[in-house]
Structures are given as C-alpha cells and as structure tokens.
Amino acid sequence: MITIIDYGMGNLRSVQKACEKLGFEAVVSSNSDEIAAAEKLILPGVGAFRDAIAHLQDSGFVEPIKDHINADKPLLGICLGLQLLFDRSYEDGEYEGLGIIPGQVVRFPSQPGLKVPHMGWNKLQVKQETPLLNGIPADAHFYFVHSYYVVPEDDSVLAATSEHGVEFCAMIRRGNLLATQFHPEKSQRVGLKLLDNFGKL
C-alpha cells in the first residue's frame, strides 16, 4: 500500500493513477493517523513553499512524516515534496522547512538566455547508486518544472544532478528517504519505471 499525502497541494490524482497503473494499491489521504500507519509515503507538491509548509503544519502531518522517515520506511518526495524536506527556502521570503535534510532551497540565478522556470525534459548525472533508477537507461530524460532547487549541505545525499545554467540537485537519497526534483508521474515510461522501483522497495 502506498499512501499519497494530501495537504491541499500536489499532483495527487496523476500520482495515484500512475501507481495504480503499475498494479500498486495507492490511496490519497489527509488523515494523520493513516499517514502515521503507512507502509510507504509519497509527498508530492506543486505550488509555493510557504503555503505548503503551512498546510503540513496545520494538518498535523509534520510529526507522522518525521516518524516515518526516522523508522527508515520508504518515502518519495516529488518536486516541492523534495524541497520541503530541507531546512529553509528562499522562495518569496525565507521560510523554515521540515529540517530533515540540512540545506536550503534557492532560485536559479539570473543569466542571459536562461529561462526560469526550468521547464521540460532533462538528463540526469547519476552520483550514487539508488534503487529508484534500477533498470533505467543512463541517458534517460525526466520532466522538470521548477524555479527553485535544493542545495544540500552534505553531498552524500546527492543521488543525481541535472543542469540548467548551473548543476543542481535532481535527486536525493538517504536510506529509504528518496526524493526527486523532476516529476516521475509526468515522465512517461522512465517515470513509471521509477515509481515501480519505489513501489517494490
């Protein structure tokens, strides 16, 4: 069973449909008790960091998420769901995150000819072995849409990077805590393979 956290922001139904297409039972939940009891969690996210962290706090989801991660149960963060795991974000101000991974969330630098948000297909540079990428070709491209990216303090969590004016963190891994800046649910065949790998953890 995969539990997709509904905190009022996120690409919930498309993530659920992708999991179900792969044969996994997937539920969307806004119940903190169900989230606390989950075997596997997906923390999706689309929108502003400030609103997202406020919704997580107001819904009582912060402690269940942290307990899940501390128990080393699988959790997949997607896009904003990756950024929320970090200490703070500088998106339209300065806001505290979940503080699970040391580091910050910053905006792409202004450069001539560089379009922000970064939107479209991009290739990964794999930095460490991760079960999410099992069976996925090295030249695979994934779909991104974001104006901010995470900067971990400890490079040991870097699972993959990508490039858009700068080299940026595209995926992290710490034990069974995994998160992607790209959207696997929008990344067609390779994205489904990544979600299949997560479901089989």
N, C-alpha and C. Protein backbone atom coordinates (compact mmCIF):
# COMPACT_ATOMS: atom_id res chain seq x y z
N MET A 1 0.84 -1.20 0.00
CA MET A 1 0.00 0.00 0.00
C MET A 1 0.88 1.25 0.00
N ILE A 2 0.59 2.16 -0.92
CA ILE A 2 1.27 3.44 -0.99
C ILE A 2 0.28 4.52 -0.58
N THR A 3 0.66 5.36 0.37
CA THR A 3 -0.18 6.45 0.83
C THR A 3 0.37 7.77 0.30
N ILE A 4 -0.46 8.49 -0.43
CA ILE A 4 -0.08 9.77 -1.02
C ILE A 4 -0.65 10.87 -0.12
N ILE A 5 0.22 11.72 0.39
CA ILE A 5 -0.18 12.72 1.39
C ILE A 5 -0.92 13.87 0.71
N ASP A 6 -2.16 14.08 1.14
CA ASP A 6 -2.98 15.17 0.63
C ASP A 6 -2.97 16.31 1.65
N TYR A 7 -2.18 17.35 1.36
CA TYR A 7 -2.15 18.51 2.24
C TYR A 7 -2.64 19.75 1.50
N GLY A 8 -3.47 19.49 0.47
CA GLY A 8 -4.08 20.58 -0.26
C GLY A 8 -3.28 21.12 -1.42
N MET A 9 -2.09 20.54 -1.66
CA MET A 9 -1.23 20.99 -2.75
C MET A 9 -0.52 19.79 -3.34
N GLY A 10 -0.67 19.60 -4.64
CA GLY A 10 0.06 18.49 -5.23
C GLY A 10 -0.68 17.89 -6.40
N ASN A 11 0.07 17.13 -7.17
CA ASN A 11 -0.44 16.48 -8.36
C ASN A 11 -0.98 15.11 -7.95
N LEU A 12 -1.97 15.10 -7.05
CA LEU A 12 -2.34 13.88 -6.34
C LEU A 12 -2.90 12.80 -7.24
N ARG A 13 -3.90 13.15 -8.03
CA ARG A 13 -4.58 12.13 -8.81
C ARG A 13 -3.67 11.52 -9.86
N SER A 14 -2.82 12.32 -10.50
CA SER A 14 -1.94 11.76 -11.52
C SER A 14 -0.90 10.83 -10.90
N VAL A 15 -0.43 11.14 -9.69
CA VAL A 15 0.49 10.24 -8.99
C VAL A 15 -0.23 8.95 -8.63
N GLN A 16 -1.44 9.07 -8.11
CA GLN A 16 -2.22 7.88 -7.75
C GLN A 16 -2.49 7.00 -8.98
N LYS A 17 -2.89 7.62 -10.07
CA LYS A 17 -3.19 6.86 -11.29
C LYS A 17 -1.96 6.13 -11.81
N ALA A 18 -0.80 6.79 -11.73
CA ALA A 18 0.44 6.16 -12.18
C ALA A 18 0.75 4.93 -11.33
N CYS A 19 0.59 5.05 -10.02
CA CYS A 19 0.84 3.91 -9.12
C CYS A 19 -0.13 2.77 -9.39
N GLU A 20 -1.40 3.12 -9.59
CA GLU A 20 -2.41 2.10 -9.85
C GLU A 20 -2.17 1.41 -11.19
N LYS A 21 -1.72 2.15 -12.18
CA LYS A 21 -1.40 1.57 -13.48
C LYS A 21 -0.33 0.49 -13.36
N LEU A 22 0.56 0.68 -12.38
CA LEU A 22 1.64 -0.27 -12.14
C LEU A 22 1.20 -1.45 -11.29
N GLY A 23 -0.03 -1.42 -10.80
CA GLY A 23 -0.56 -2.53 -10.01
C GLY A 23 -0.45 -2.36 -8.52
N PHE A 24 -0.06 -1.17 -8.06
CA PHE A 24 0.05 -0.92 -6.62
C PHE A 24 -1.25 -0.32 -6.09
N GLU A 25 -1.62 -0.72 -4.89
CA GLU A 25 -2.73 -0.07 -4.22
C GLU A 25 -2.23 1.27 -3.70
N ALA A 26 -2.90 2.33 -4.10
CA ALA A 26 -2.47 3.68 -3.72
C ALA A 26 -3.68 4.48 -3.26
N VAL A 27 -3.56 5.09 -2.09
CA VAL A 27 -4.65 5.89 -1.55
C VAL A 27 -4.15 7.31 -1.32
N VAL A 28 -5.03 8.27 -1.53
CA VAL A 28 -4.76 9.66 -1.20
C VAL A 28 -5.37 9.94 0.16
N SER A 29 -4.57 10.43 1.11
CA SER A 29 -5.06 10.59 2.48
C SER A 29 -4.72 11.96 3.06
N SER A 30 -5.71 12.52 3.74
CA SER A 30 -5.48 13.74 4.54
C SER A 30 -5.71 13.45 6.01
N ASN A 31 -5.58 12.16 6.37
CA ASN A 31 -5.79 11.71 7.75
C ASN A 31 -4.43 11.42 8.39
N SER A 32 -4.10 12.13 9.45
CA SER A 32 -2.78 11.99 10.06
C SER A 32 -2.55 10.58 10.62
N ASP A 33 -3.61 9.92 11.10
CA ASP A 33 -3.46 8.55 11.62
C ASP A 33 -3.12 7.58 10.49
N GLU A 34 -3.75 7.76 9.32
CA GLU A 34 -3.44 6.90 8.18
C GLU A 34 -2.01 7.15 7.69
N ILE A 35 -1.60 8.40 7.73
CA ILE A 35 -0.23 8.71 7.31
C ILE A 35 0.77 8.10 8.30
N ALA A 36 0.45 8.15 9.58
CA ALA A 36 1.34 7.58 10.60
C ALA A 36 1.46 6.07 10.45
N ALA A 37 0.41 5.41 9.96
CA ALA A 37 0.41 3.94 9.85
C ALA A 37 0.88 3.45 8.49
N ALA A 38 1.24 4.35 7.59
CA ALA A 38 1.54 3.98 6.21
C ALA A 38 2.80 3.12 6.10
N GLU A 39 2.77 2.22 5.13
CA GLU A 39 3.96 1.42 4.80
C GLU A 39 4.93 2.24 3.95
N LYS A 40 4.38 2.92 2.95
CA LYS A 40 5.17 3.77 2.05
C LYS A 40 4.42 5.08 1.88
N LEU A 41 5.16 6.19 1.85
CA LEU A 41 4.56 7.50 1.68
C LEU A 41 5.10 8.18 0.43
N ILE A 42 4.22 8.90 -0.24
CA ILE A 42 4.65 9.83 -1.29
C ILE A 42 4.22 11.23 -0.86
N LEU A 43 5.20 12.15 -0.86
CA LEU A 43 4.95 13.56 -0.55
C LEU A 43 5.09 14.34 -1.84
N PRO A 44 3.97 14.59 -2.54
CA PRO A 44 4.04 15.34 -3.79
C PRO A 44 4.00 16.83 -3.50
N GLY A 45 3.96 17.63 -4.54
CA GLY A 45 3.87 19.06 -4.28
C GLY A 45 3.95 19.89 -5.54
N VAL A 46 3.02 20.81 -5.67
CA VAL A 46 3.02 21.81 -6.73
C VAL A 46 2.57 23.11 -6.10
N GLY A 47 3.36 24.18 -6.29
CA GLY A 47 2.95 25.46 -5.72
C GLY A 47 4.04 26.09 -4.88
N ALA A 48 3.62 26.96 -3.97
CA ALA A 48 4.56 27.78 -3.19
C ALA A 48 4.99 27.06 -1.91
N PHE A 49 6.27 27.17 -1.59
CA PHE A 49 6.84 26.55 -0.40
C PHE A 49 6.13 27.04 0.86
N ARG A 50 5.93 28.35 0.97
CA ARG A 50 5.33 28.95 2.16
C ARG A 50 3.97 28.33 2.47
N ASP A 51 3.12 28.22 1.44
CA ASP A 51 1.78 27.66 1.63
C ASP A 51 1.86 26.18 1.98
N ALA A 52 2.78 25.46 1.33
CA ALA A 52 2.89 24.02 1.54
C ALA A 52 3.30 23.69 2.97
N ILE A 53 4.33 24.36 3.48
CA ILE A 53 4.78 24.03 4.85
C ILE A 53 3.70 24.43 5.86
N ALA A 54 2.98 25.51 5.59
CA ALA A 54 1.89 25.90 6.49
C ALA A 54 0.79 24.85 6.51
N HIS A 55 0.44 24.31 5.34
CA HIS A 55 -0.59 23.27 5.27
C HIS A 55 -0.15 22.00 6.00
N LEU A 56 1.11 21.62 5.84
CA LEU A 56 1.62 20.44 6.53
C LEU A 56 1.54 20.61 8.04
N GLN A 57 1.92 21.77 8.50
CA GLN A 57 1.88 22.05 9.94
C GLN A 57 0.44 22.09 10.46
N ASP A 58 -0.42 22.80 9.76
CA ASP A 58 -1.80 22.96 10.20
C ASP A 58 -2.56 21.63 10.17
N SER A 59 -2.16 20.72 9.29
CA SER A 59 -2.85 19.44 9.16
C SER A 59 -2.33 18.39 10.14
N GLY A 60 -1.26 18.72 10.87
CA GLY A 60 -0.70 17.77 11.82
C GLY A 60 0.09 16.65 11.17
N PHE A 61 0.67 16.94 9.98
CA PHE A 61 1.38 15.89 9.24
C PHE A 61 2.88 15.87 9.52
N VAL A 62 3.43 16.91 10.14
CA VAL A 62 4.88 17.01 10.28
C VAL A 62 5.44 15.85 11.10
N GLU A 63 4.88 15.61 12.27
CA GLU A 63 5.42 14.53 13.12
C GLU A 63 5.25 13.15 12.50
N PRO A 64 4.08 12.80 11.92
CA PRO A 64 3.98 11.50 11.25
C PRO A 64 5.00 11.32 10.13
N ILE A 65 5.26 12.38 9.37
CA ILE A 65 6.26 12.29 8.30
C ILE A 65 7.65 12.05 8.89
N LYS A 66 8.00 12.81 9.92
CA LYS A 66 9.32 12.64 10.53
C LYS A 66 9.46 11.26 11.18
N ASP A 67 8.41 10.78 11.83
CA ASP A 67 8.46 9.45 12.44
C ASP A 67 8.64 8.37 11.37
N HIS A 68 7.96 8.52 10.27
CA HIS A 68 8.07 7.57 9.15
C HIS A 68 9.51 7.51 8.65
N ILE A 69 10.11 8.69 8.46
CA ILE A 69 11.49 8.75 7.96
C ILE A 69 12.46 8.20 9.00
N ASN A 70 12.25 8.54 10.27
CA ASN A 70 13.14 8.05 11.33
C ASN A 70 13.08 6.53 11.47
N ALA A 71 11.95 5.95 11.10
CA ALA A 71 11.81 4.48 11.12
C ALA A 71 12.38 3.85 9.86
N ASP A 72 12.93 4.66 8.96
CA ASP A 72 13.52 4.22 7.69
C ASP A 72 12.52 3.48 6.82
N LYS A 73 11.26 3.92 6.88
CA LYS A 73 10.26 3.40 5.96
C LYS A 73 10.30 4.23 4.68
N PRO A 74 10.02 3.62 3.53
CA PRO A 74 10.18 4.34 2.26
C PRO A 74 9.29 5.57 2.15
N LEU A 75 9.91 6.67 1.74
CA LEU A 75 9.19 7.91 1.43
C LEU A 75 9.77 8.48 0.15
N LEU A 76 8.88 8.87 -0.77
CA LEU A 76 9.29 9.51 -2.01
C LEU A 76 8.74 10.92 -2.05
N GLY A 77 9.63 11.91 -2.08
CA GLY A 77 9.23 13.30 -2.27
C GLY A 77 9.32 13.65 -3.74
N ILE A 78 8.35 14.42 -4.23
CA ILE A 78 8.31 14.80 -5.64
C ILE A 78 8.24 16.32 -5.76
N CYS A 79 9.21 16.91 -6.45
CA CYS A 79 9.27 18.34 -6.77
C CYS A 79 9.25 19.18 -5.48
N LEU A 80 8.17 19.88 -5.19
CA LEU A 80 8.07 20.64 -3.94
C LEU A 80 8.21 19.71 -2.74
N GLY A 81 7.79 18.46 -2.91
CA GLY A 81 7.94 17.47 -1.85
C GLY A 81 9.40 17.17 -1.51
N LEU A 82 10.30 17.36 -2.46
CA LEU A 82 11.74 17.30 -2.19
C LEU A 82 12.16 18.54 -1.41
N GLN A 83 11.76 19.71 -1.87
CA GLN A 83 12.21 20.96 -1.26
C GLN A 83 11.76 21.09 0.19
N LEU A 84 10.58 20.59 0.50
CA LEU A 84 10.05 20.68 1.86
C LEU A 84 10.88 19.93 2.88
N LEU A 85 11.67 18.96 2.44
CA LEU A 85 12.48 18.16 3.35
C LEU A 85 13.67 18.95 3.92
N PHE A 86 13.98 20.10 3.33
CA PHE A 86 15.19 20.84 3.69
C PHE A 86 14.93 21.87 4.79
N ASP A 87 16.02 22.48 5.27
CA ASP A 87 15.94 23.40 6.41
C ASP A 87 15.12 24.64 6.12
N ARG A 88 15.37 25.26 4.95
CA ARG A 88 14.70 26.53 4.67
C ARG A 88 14.66 26.79 3.18
N SER A 89 13.69 27.62 2.80
CA SER A 89 13.54 28.03 1.42
C SER A 89 13.57 29.55 1.34
N TYR A 90 14.13 30.05 0.25
CA TYR A 90 14.17 31.49 0.00
C TYR A 90 13.22 31.86 -1.15
N GLU A 91 12.13 31.12 -1.25
CA GLU A 91 11.12 31.42 -2.27
C GLU A 91 10.18 32.51 -1.74
N ASP A 92 10.27 33.69 -2.32
CA ASP A 92 9.43 34.82 -1.93
C ASP A 92 9.52 35.13 -0.44
N GLY A 93 10.73 35.13 0.09
CA GLY A 93 10.95 35.36 1.52
C GLY A 93 11.88 34.29 2.07
N GLU A 94 11.80 34.05 3.36
CA GLU A 94 12.58 32.98 3.99
C GLU A 94 11.65 32.20 4.90
N TYR A 95 11.59 30.87 4.66
CA TYR A 95 10.64 30.03 5.38
C TYR A 95 11.32 28.75 5.84
N GLU A 96 11.02 28.34 7.06
CA GLU A 96 11.57 27.10 7.60
C GLU A 96 10.87 25.90 6.98
N GLY A 97 11.67 24.89 6.62
CA GLY A 97 11.13 23.65 6.10
C GLY A 97 11.03 22.59 7.18
N LEU A 98 10.97 21.33 6.76
CA LEU A 98 10.85 20.22 7.72
C LEU A 98 12.16 19.96 8.45
N GLY A 99 13.29 20.40 7.90
CA GLY A 99 14.57 20.25 8.59
C GLY A 99 15.06 18.82 8.67
N ILE A 100 14.67 17.99 7.72
CA ILE A 100 15.08 16.58 7.72
C ILE A 100 16.43 16.42 7.03
N ILE A 101 16.65 17.17 5.97
CA ILE A 101 17.92 17.18 5.25
C ILE A 101 18.53 18.57 5.40
N PRO A 102 19.75 18.68 5.94
CA PRO A 102 20.38 20.00 6.06
C PRO A 102 20.62 20.63 4.69
N GLY A 103 20.22 21.89 4.56
CA GLY A 103 20.43 22.59 3.30
C GLY A 103 19.31 23.58 3.05
N GLN A 104 19.35 24.19 1.88
CA GLN A 104 18.41 25.26 1.58
C GLN A 104 17.89 25.15 0.16
N VAL A 105 16.84 25.92 -0.10
CA VAL A 105 16.19 25.95 -1.41
C VAL A 105 16.38 27.35 -1.98
N VAL A 106 16.99 27.43 -3.15
CA VAL A 106 17.34 28.73 -3.74
C VAL A 106 16.83 28.82 -5.18
N ARG A 107 16.74 30.05 -5.68
CA ARG A 107 16.25 30.28 -7.04
C ARG A 107 17.39 30.15 -8.04
N PHE A 108 17.06 29.70 -9.24
CA PHE A 108 18.05 29.69 -10.30
C PHE A 108 18.60 31.11 -10.51
N PRO A 109 19.90 31.24 -10.71
CA PRO A 109 20.48 32.57 -10.89
C PRO A 109 20.05 33.18 -12.21
N SER A 110 19.97 34.50 -12.24
CA SER A 110 19.65 35.21 -13.48
C SER A 110 20.85 35.17 -14.40
N GLN A 111 20.63 34.63 -15.58
CA GLN A 111 21.70 34.56 -16.58
C GLN A 111 21.09 34.89 -17.94
N PRO A 112 21.83 35.59 -18.79
CA PRO A 112 21.32 35.88 -20.14
C PRO A 112 20.94 34.60 -20.88
N GLY A 113 19.73 34.56 -21.39
CA GLY A 113 19.28 33.41 -22.17
C GLY A 113 18.77 32.24 -21.36
N LEU A 114 18.84 32.34 -20.02
CA LEU A 114 18.39 31.23 -19.17
C LEU A 114 16.93 31.45 -18.79
N LYS A 115 16.09 30.54 -19.18
CA LYS A 115 14.67 30.66 -18.87
C LYS A 115 14.36 30.07 -17.49
N VAL A 116 13.63 30.84 -16.71
CA VAL A 116 13.16 30.39 -15.40
C VAL A 116 11.66 30.66 -15.36
N PRO A 117 10.84 29.62 -15.07
CA PRO A 117 11.23 28.32 -14.55
C PRO A 117 11.92 27.41 -15.57
N HIS A 118 12.70 26.48 -15.02
CA HIS A 118 13.25 25.38 -15.79
C HIS A 118 12.09 24.44 -16.08
N MET A 119 11.74 24.30 -17.35
CA MET A 119 10.57 23.51 -17.72
C MET A 119 10.89 22.65 -18.93
N GLY A 120 10.68 21.34 -18.78
CA GLY A 120 10.89 20.44 -19.90
C GLY A 120 11.72 19.23 -19.51
N TRP A 121 12.20 18.54 -20.54
CA TRP A 121 12.90 17.28 -20.35
C TRP A 121 14.40 17.52 -20.16
N ASN A 122 14.99 16.77 -19.22
CA ASN A 122 16.41 16.93 -18.96
C ASN A 122 16.99 15.61 -18.50
N LYS A 123 18.27 15.48 -18.73
CA LYS A 123 19.01 14.25 -18.41
C LYS A 123 19.60 14.35 -17.01
N LEU A 124 19.80 13.19 -16.37
CA LEU A 124 20.40 13.12 -15.05
C LEU A 124 21.88 12.75 -15.15
N GLN A 125 22.65 13.25 -14.19
CA GLN A 125 24.02 12.76 -13.96
C GLN A 125 23.98 12.00 -12.63
N VAL A 126 24.06 10.70 -12.70
CA VAL A 126 23.91 9.87 -11.50
C VAL A 126 25.17 9.99 -10.64
N LYS A 127 24.97 10.24 -9.34
CA LYS A 127 26.07 10.43 -8.40
C LYS A 127 26.26 9.26 -7.46
N GLN A 128 25.19 8.50 -7.21
CA GLN A 128 25.31 7.32 -6.37
C GLN A 128 24.22 6.34 -6.76
N GLU A 129 24.50 5.08 -6.46
CA GLU A 129 23.52 4.04 -6.77
C GLU A 129 22.26 4.26 -5.93
N THR A 130 21.13 4.16 -6.58
CA THR A 130 19.86 4.29 -5.89
C THR A 130 18.86 3.31 -6.50
N PRO A 131 18.07 2.66 -5.66
CA PRO A 131 17.12 1.67 -6.20
C PRO A 131 16.07 2.29 -7.12
N LEU A 132 15.82 3.58 -7.01
CA LEU A 132 14.83 4.21 -7.88
C LEU A 132 15.22 4.15 -9.35
N LEU A 133 16.52 4.08 -9.62
CA LEU A 133 17.00 4.12 -11.00
C LEU A 133 17.32 2.74 -11.57
N ASN A 134 17.00 1.68 -10.84
CA ASN A 134 17.25 0.33 -11.33
C ASN A 134 16.51 0.10 -12.66
N GLY A 135 17.25 -0.35 -13.64
CA GLY A 135 16.64 -0.68 -14.93
C GLY A 135 16.34 0.52 -15.81
N ILE A 136 16.78 1.71 -15.41
CA ILE A 136 16.53 2.92 -16.20
C ILE A 136 17.82 3.29 -16.95
N PRO A 137 17.75 3.50 -18.26
CA PRO A 137 18.96 3.80 -19.04
C PRO A 137 19.67 5.05 -18.55
N ALA A 138 20.98 5.06 -18.70
CA ALA A 138 21.79 6.19 -18.22
C ALA A 138 21.46 7.48 -18.97
N ASP A 139 20.96 7.37 -20.20
CA ASP A 139 20.66 8.58 -20.98
C ASP A 139 19.18 8.97 -20.90
N ALA A 140 18.46 8.43 -19.93
CA ALA A 140 17.03 8.73 -19.79
C ALA A 140 16.82 10.20 -19.43
N HIS A 141 15.73 10.76 -19.93
CA HIS A 141 15.35 12.14 -19.62
C HIS A 141 14.07 12.15 -18.80
N PHE A 142 13.99 13.09 -17.86
CA PHE A 142 12.83 13.23 -16.99
C PHE A 142 12.27 14.64 -17.13
N TYR A 143 11.00 14.78 -16.72
CA TYR A 143 10.31 16.06 -16.91
C TYR A 143 10.41 16.93 -15.66
N PHE A 144 10.91 18.15 -15.84
CA PHE A 144 11.09 19.12 -14.76
C PHE A 144 10.18 20.33 -14.98
N VAL A 145 9.72 20.94 -13.89
CA VAL A 145 9.12 22.27 -13.93
C VAL A 145 9.32 22.92 -12.56
N HIS A 146 10.29 23.86 -12.47
CA HIS A 146 10.63 24.47 -11.18
C HIS A 146 11.49 25.71 -11.39
N SER A 147 11.36 26.65 -10.45
CA SER A 147 12.17 27.85 -10.45
C SER A 147 13.23 27.83 -9.36
N TYR A 148 13.08 26.90 -8.39
CA TYR A 148 13.98 26.79 -7.24
C TYR A 148 14.54 25.38 -7.19
N TYR A 149 15.70 25.23 -6.58
CA TYR A 149 16.33 23.92 -6.45
C TYR A 149 16.99 23.82 -5.07
N VAL A 150 17.23 22.59 -4.65
CA VAL A 150 17.79 22.37 -3.31
C VAL A 150 19.32 22.34 -3.37
N VAL A 151 19.93 22.83 -2.29
CA VAL A 151 21.39 22.80 -2.14
C VAL A 151 21.69 22.08 -0.83
N PRO A 152 21.96 20.76 -0.87
CA PRO A 152 22.26 20.03 0.36
C PRO A 152 23.60 20.46 0.95
N GLU A 153 23.68 20.49 2.28
CA GLU A 153 24.95 20.79 2.93
C GLU A 153 25.91 19.60 2.82
N ASP A 154 25.35 18.40 2.76
CA ASP A 154 26.15 17.18 2.72
C ASP A 154 25.95 16.51 1.37
N ASP A 155 27.00 16.46 0.56
CA ASP A 155 26.90 15.88 -0.78
C ASP A 155 26.60 14.38 -0.76
N SER A 156 26.71 13.75 0.40
CA SER A 156 26.47 12.30 0.46
C SER A 156 25.02 11.95 0.15
N VAL A 157 24.10 12.91 0.26
CA VAL A 157 22.70 12.62 -0.05
C VAL A 157 22.40 12.78 -1.53
N LEU A 158 23.32 13.36 -2.29
CA LEU A 158 23.11 13.56 -3.72
C LEU A 158 23.04 12.21 -4.44
N ALA A 159 21.90 11.95 -5.07
CA ALA A 159 21.78 10.73 -5.87
C ALA A 159 21.95 11.04 -7.36
N ALA A 160 21.51 12.23 -7.78
CA ALA A 160 21.68 12.62 -9.18
C ALA A 160 21.56 14.14 -9.28
N THR A 161 22.22 14.68 -10.29
CA THR A 161 22.11 16.10 -10.59
C THR A 161 21.62 16.26 -12.03
N SER A 162 21.30 17.50 -12.38
CA SER A 162 20.99 17.86 -13.75
C SER A 162 21.54 19.27 -13.97
N GLU A 163 21.36 19.81 -15.17
CA GLU A 163 21.93 21.13 -15.45
C GLU A 163 20.90 22.05 -16.08
N HIS A 164 20.88 23.28 -15.58
CA HIS A 164 20.09 24.36 -16.18
C HIS A 164 20.77 25.67 -15.78
N GLY A 165 21.76 26.03 -16.54
CA GLY A 165 22.58 27.18 -16.18
C GLY A 165 23.61 26.84 -15.12
N VAL A 166 23.21 26.06 -14.14
CA VAL A 166 24.09 25.53 -13.09
C VAL A 166 23.79 24.04 -12.93
N GLU A 167 24.73 23.32 -12.37
CA GLU A 167 24.46 21.94 -12.00
C GLU A 167 23.66 21.97 -10.69
N PHE A 168 22.54 21.30 -10.66
CA PHE A 168 21.68 21.33 -9.47
C PHE A 168 21.26 19.93 -9.06
N CYS A 169 20.86 19.80 -7.82
CA CYS A 169 20.43 18.52 -7.27
C CYS A 169 19.08 18.12 -7.87
N ALA A 170 19.05 16.96 -8.53
CA ALA A 170 17.82 16.47 -9.15
C ALA A 170 17.20 15.32 -8.37
N MET A 171 17.99 14.69 -7.48
CA MET A 171 17.50 13.56 -6.71
C MET A 171 18.36 13.38 -5.47
N ILE A 172 17.72 13.04 -4.35
CA ILE A 172 18.48 12.73 -3.13
C ILE A 172 18.13 11.32 -2.66
N ARG A 173 19.04 10.79 -1.86
CA ARG A 173 18.79 9.52 -1.19
C ARG A 173 19.49 9.51 0.16
N ARG A 174 18.75 9.13 1.20
CA ARG A 174 19.33 8.83 2.50
C ARG A 174 18.56 7.65 3.05
N GLY A 175 19.14 6.46 2.93
CA GLY A 175 18.43 5.25 3.30
C GLY A 175 17.20 5.08 2.42
N ASN A 176 16.04 4.91 3.03
CA ASN A 176 14.79 4.76 2.28
C ASN A 176 14.08 6.08 2.07
N LEU A 177 14.75 7.19 2.39
CA LEU A 177 14.23 8.52 2.07
C LEU A 177 14.77 8.91 0.69
N LEU A 178 13.86 9.06 -0.26
CA LEU A 178 14.23 9.35 -1.63
C LEU A 178 13.36 10.49 -2.13
N ALA A 179 13.91 11.36 -2.95
CA ALA A 179 13.12 12.46 -3.46
C ALA A 179 13.70 12.95 -4.78
N THR A 180 12.80 13.42 -5.64
CA THR A 180 13.20 13.89 -6.97
C THR A 180 12.70 15.30 -7.20
N GLN A 181 13.51 16.11 -7.90
CA GLN A 181 13.05 17.44 -8.31
C GLN A 181 12.13 17.32 -9.52
N PHE A 182 12.35 16.34 -10.35
CA PHE A 182 11.51 16.11 -11.52
C PHE A 182 10.22 15.39 -11.13
N HIS A 183 9.31 15.33 -12.09
CA HIS A 183 8.02 14.68 -11.88
C HIS A 183 8.01 13.30 -12.55
N PRO A 184 8.17 12.21 -11.80
CA PRO A 184 8.11 10.90 -12.45
C PRO A 184 6.74 10.61 -13.07
N GLU A 185 5.68 11.12 -12.45
CA GLU A 185 4.33 10.86 -12.97
C GLU A 185 4.08 11.56 -14.30
N LYS A 186 4.97 12.49 -14.69
CA LYS A 186 4.86 13.18 -15.98
C LYS A 186 5.98 12.76 -16.93
N SER A 187 6.77 11.77 -16.53
CA SER A 187 7.98 11.41 -17.29
C SER A 187 7.81 10.13 -18.10
N GLN A 188 6.58 9.80 -18.41
CA GLN A 188 6.26 8.70 -19.32
C GLN A 188 6.89 7.39 -18.85
N ARG A 189 7.48 6.64 -19.78
CA ARG A 189 7.90 5.26 -19.48
C ARG A 189 8.95 5.22 -18.37
N VAL A 190 9.96 6.10 -18.42
CA VAL A 190 11.01 6.04 -17.41
C VAL A 190 10.48 6.47 -16.05
N GLY A 191 9.52 7.40 -16.05
CA GLY A 191 8.91 7.82 -14.80
C GLY A 191 8.11 6.70 -14.16
N LEU A 192 7.39 5.94 -14.98
CA LEU A 192 6.64 4.79 -14.46
C LEU A 192 7.60 3.73 -13.91
N LYS A 193 8.73 3.55 -14.57
CA LYS A 193 9.71 2.58 -14.08
C LYS A 193 10.25 3.02 -12.72
N LEU A 194 10.50 4.32 -12.55
CA LEU A 194 10.98 4.82 -11.26
C LEU A 194 9.93 4.58 -10.17
N LEU A 195 8.66 4.87 -10.46
CA LEU A 195 7.60 4.64 -9.48
C LEU A 195 7.44 3.15 -9.19
N ASP A 196 7.63 2.32 -10.20
CA ASP A 196 7.59 0.87 -10.00
C ASP A 196 8.70 0.43 -9.05
N ASN A 197 9.88 1.00 -9.22
CA ASN A 197 11.00 0.68 -8.32
C ASN A 197 10.68 1.09 -6.89
N PHE A 198 10.05 2.27 -6.73
CA PHE A 198 9.67 2.71 -5.39
C PHE A 198 8.63 1.77 -4.78
N GLY A 199 7.64 1.39 -5.56
CA GLY A 199 6.60 0.51 -5.04
C GLY A 199 7.11 -0.84 -4.61
N LYS A 200 8.23 -1.27 -5.19
CA LYS A 200 8.79 -2.59 -4.88
C LYS A 200 9.84 -2.55 -3.77
N LEU A 201 10.12 -1.38 -3.22
CA LEU A 201 11.10 -1.29 -2.13
C LEU A 201 10.67 -2.15 -0.96
